[in-house]
């Protein structure tokens, strides 16, 4: 039991320390100047009905990490249809962009509550 407690302490400490690591410019890639296009490509592949999206907004990318991978974080807020054909209400998704493509996503990420959004008409016009 003591070994498990020590292992748990080491894992928790590593998680807290990883939040303090400064992003490495080589690991995150250059600033994604075409981040809107990257998000549109991701949405076309990942969303059930990307052509039904309305009320879309996006945040400006900032350096960060998701699940211990570094990159440029941007948040997407949008309303889209589900498999039954009804709108589900506005959902928030954090997207991690690394070297020009979305590599990870996280629904309902708390960090997306602290960013400012701007309209994302390009996504609504698919």
Protein backbone atom coordinates (compact mmCIF):
# COMPACT_ATOMS: atom_id res chain seq x y z
CA UNK A 1 0.00 0.00 0.00
CA UNK A 2 2.87 2.34 0.79
CA UNK A 3 4.35 1.83 -2.68
CA UNK A 4 0.98 2.77 -4.24
CA UNK A 5 0.80 5.93 -2.11
CA UNK A 6 4.33 6.95 -3.14
CA UNK A 7 3.58 6.27 -6.79
CA UNK A 8 0.41 8.34 -6.58
CA UNK A 9 2.33 11.21 -4.96
CA UNK A 10 4.94 11.14 -7.74
CA UNK A 11 2.23 11.17 -10.44
CA UNK A 12 0.39 14.09 -8.87
CA UNK A 13 3.62 16.04 -8.45
CA UNK A 14 4.53 15.43 -12.10
CA UNK A 15 1.12 16.67 -13.22
CA UNK A 16 1.46 19.90 -11.25
CA UNK A 17 5.02 20.49 -12.42
CA UNK A 18 4.10 19.94 -16.05
CA UNK A 19 1.74 22.92 -15.85
CA UNK A 20 4.73 25.10 -14.96
CA UNK A 21 6.80 24.11 -17.99
CA UNK A 22 7.40 26.87 -20.52
CA UNK A 23 6.36 25.73 -24.01
CA UNK A 24 9.28 24.84 -26.26
CA UNK A 25 9.00 26.77 -29.59
CA UNK A 26 10.23 23.73 -31.55
CA UNK A 27 7.64 21.49 -29.87
CA UNK A 28 4.65 23.72 -30.58
CA UNK A 29 5.52 24.87 -34.08
CA UNK A 30 5.10 28.37 -35.47
CA UNK A 31 2.10 30.53 -34.71
CA UNK A 32 -0.82 29.15 -36.76
CA UNK A 33 -1.66 32.13 -38.96
CA UNK A 34 -4.25 29.98 -40.73
CA UNK A 35 -5.81 28.63 -37.53
CA UNK A 36 -9.34 29.28 -38.83
CA UNK A 37 -8.67 27.02 -41.84
CA UNK A 38 -7.15 24.39 -39.53
CA UNK A 39 -10.29 24.40 -37.39
CA UNK A 40 -12.58 24.21 -40.43
CA UNK A 41 -10.68 21.13 -41.69
CA UNK A 42 -10.94 19.53 -38.27
CA UNK A 43 -14.67 20.26 -37.97
CA UNK A 44 -15.37 18.75 -41.40
CA UNK A 45 -13.76 15.49 -40.26
CA UNK A 46 -14.87 15.36 -36.62
CA UNK A 47 -18.41 16.77 -36.46
CA UNK A 48 -21.42 14.67 -37.47
CA UNK A 49 -23.08 17.43 -39.52
CA UNK A 50 -20.58 20.28 -40.01
CA UNK A 51 -22.81 21.92 -42.62
CA UNK A 52 -25.50 22.62 -40.00
CA UNK A 53 -23.28 24.73 -37.74
CA UNK A 54 -24.62 28.08 -36.60
CA UNK A 55 -23.74 30.64 -33.92
CA UNK A 56 -20.04 29.79 -34.34
CA UNK A 57 -17.33 31.70 -32.48
CA UNK A 58 -13.60 31.14 -32.10
CA UNK A 59 -10.90 32.43 -29.77
CA UNK A 60 -7.47 33.71 -30.72
CA UNK A 61 -4.76 30.99 -30.34
CA UNK A 62 -2.47 31.09 -27.34
CA UNK A 63 0.36 28.83 -26.23
CA UNK A 64 -0.71 26.01 -23.96
CA UNK A 65 -1.16 22.28 -23.61
CA UNK A 66 -3.82 19.59 -23.58
CA UNK A 67 -3.15 16.17 -22.10
CA UNK A 68 0.58 16.89 -21.73
CA UNK A 69 1.05 17.87 -25.39
CA UNK A 70 2.13 21.43 -26.18
CA UNK A 71 0.81 23.61 -28.96
CA UNK A 72 -1.48 26.52 -29.73
CA UNK A 73 -4.86 26.40 -28.00
CA UNK A 74 -7.98 27.85 -29.53
CA UNK A 75 -11.56 27.44 -28.36
CA UNK A 76 -14.56 26.87 -30.61
CA UNK A 77 -18.12 27.58 -29.53
CA UNK A 78 -20.89 26.46 -31.90
CA UNK A 79 -24.32 24.89 -32.26
CA UNK A 80 -24.72 21.90 -34.61
CA UNK A 81 -27.21 19.13 -35.32
CA UNK A 82 -26.87 15.71 -33.73
CA UNK A 83 -27.61 12.31 -35.29
CA UNK A 84 -31.35 12.77 -34.73
CA UNK A 85 -31.35 16.00 -36.73
CA UNK A 86 -31.93 18.38 -33.82
CA UNK A 87 -29.73 21.20 -32.63
CA UNK A 88 -27.97 20.36 -29.38
CA UNK A 89 -27.27 23.87 -28.11
CA UNK A 90 -23.97 25.67 -28.06
CA UNK A 91 -21.03 23.41 -27.24
CA UNK A 92 -17.48 24.43 -26.42
CA UNK A 93 -14.41 22.57 -27.66
CA UNK A 94 -10.76 23.34 -26.94
CA UNK A 95 -8.52 22.53 -29.90
CA UNK A 96 -4.75 22.09 -29.79
CA UNK A 97 -2.95 23.07 -33.00
CA UNK A 98 0.60 21.85 -33.51
CA UNK A 99 2.60 22.38 -36.71
CA UNK A 100 -0.41 23.45 -38.75
CA UNK A 101 -3.04 20.90 -37.77
CA UNK A 102 -5.41 20.11 -34.92
CA UNK A 103 -3.83 17.27 -32.93
CA UNK A 104 -6.13 17.10 -29.87
CA UNK A 105 -9.50 18.30 -28.69
CA UNK A 106 -11.34 18.48 -25.40
CA UNK A 107 -15.05 19.15 -24.94
CA UNK A 108 -16.22 21.52 -22.23
CA UNK A 109 -12.67 22.55 -21.33
CA UNK A 110 -12.66 24.97 -18.36
CA UNK A 111 -9.96 27.09 -19.98
CA UNK A 112 -12.48 28.08 -22.68
CA UNK A 113 -14.53 29.97 -20.09
CA UNK A 114 -11.71 32.50 -19.71
CA UNK A 115 -11.12 33.52 -23.33
CA UNK A 116 -12.77 36.10 -25.55
CA UNK A 117 -14.49 34.98 -28.71
CA UNK A 118 -14.99 36.50 -32.14
CA UNK A 119 -17.44 35.56 -34.86
CA UNK A 120 -16.56 32.62 -37.10
CA UNK A 121 -18.70 33.20 -40.19
CA UNK A 122 -16.47 31.03 -42.41
CA UNK A 123 -17.52 27.95 -40.46
CA UNK A 124 -21.19 28.83 -40.68
CA UNK A 125 -20.97 29.13 -44.48
CA UNK A 126 -19.86 25.54 -45.13
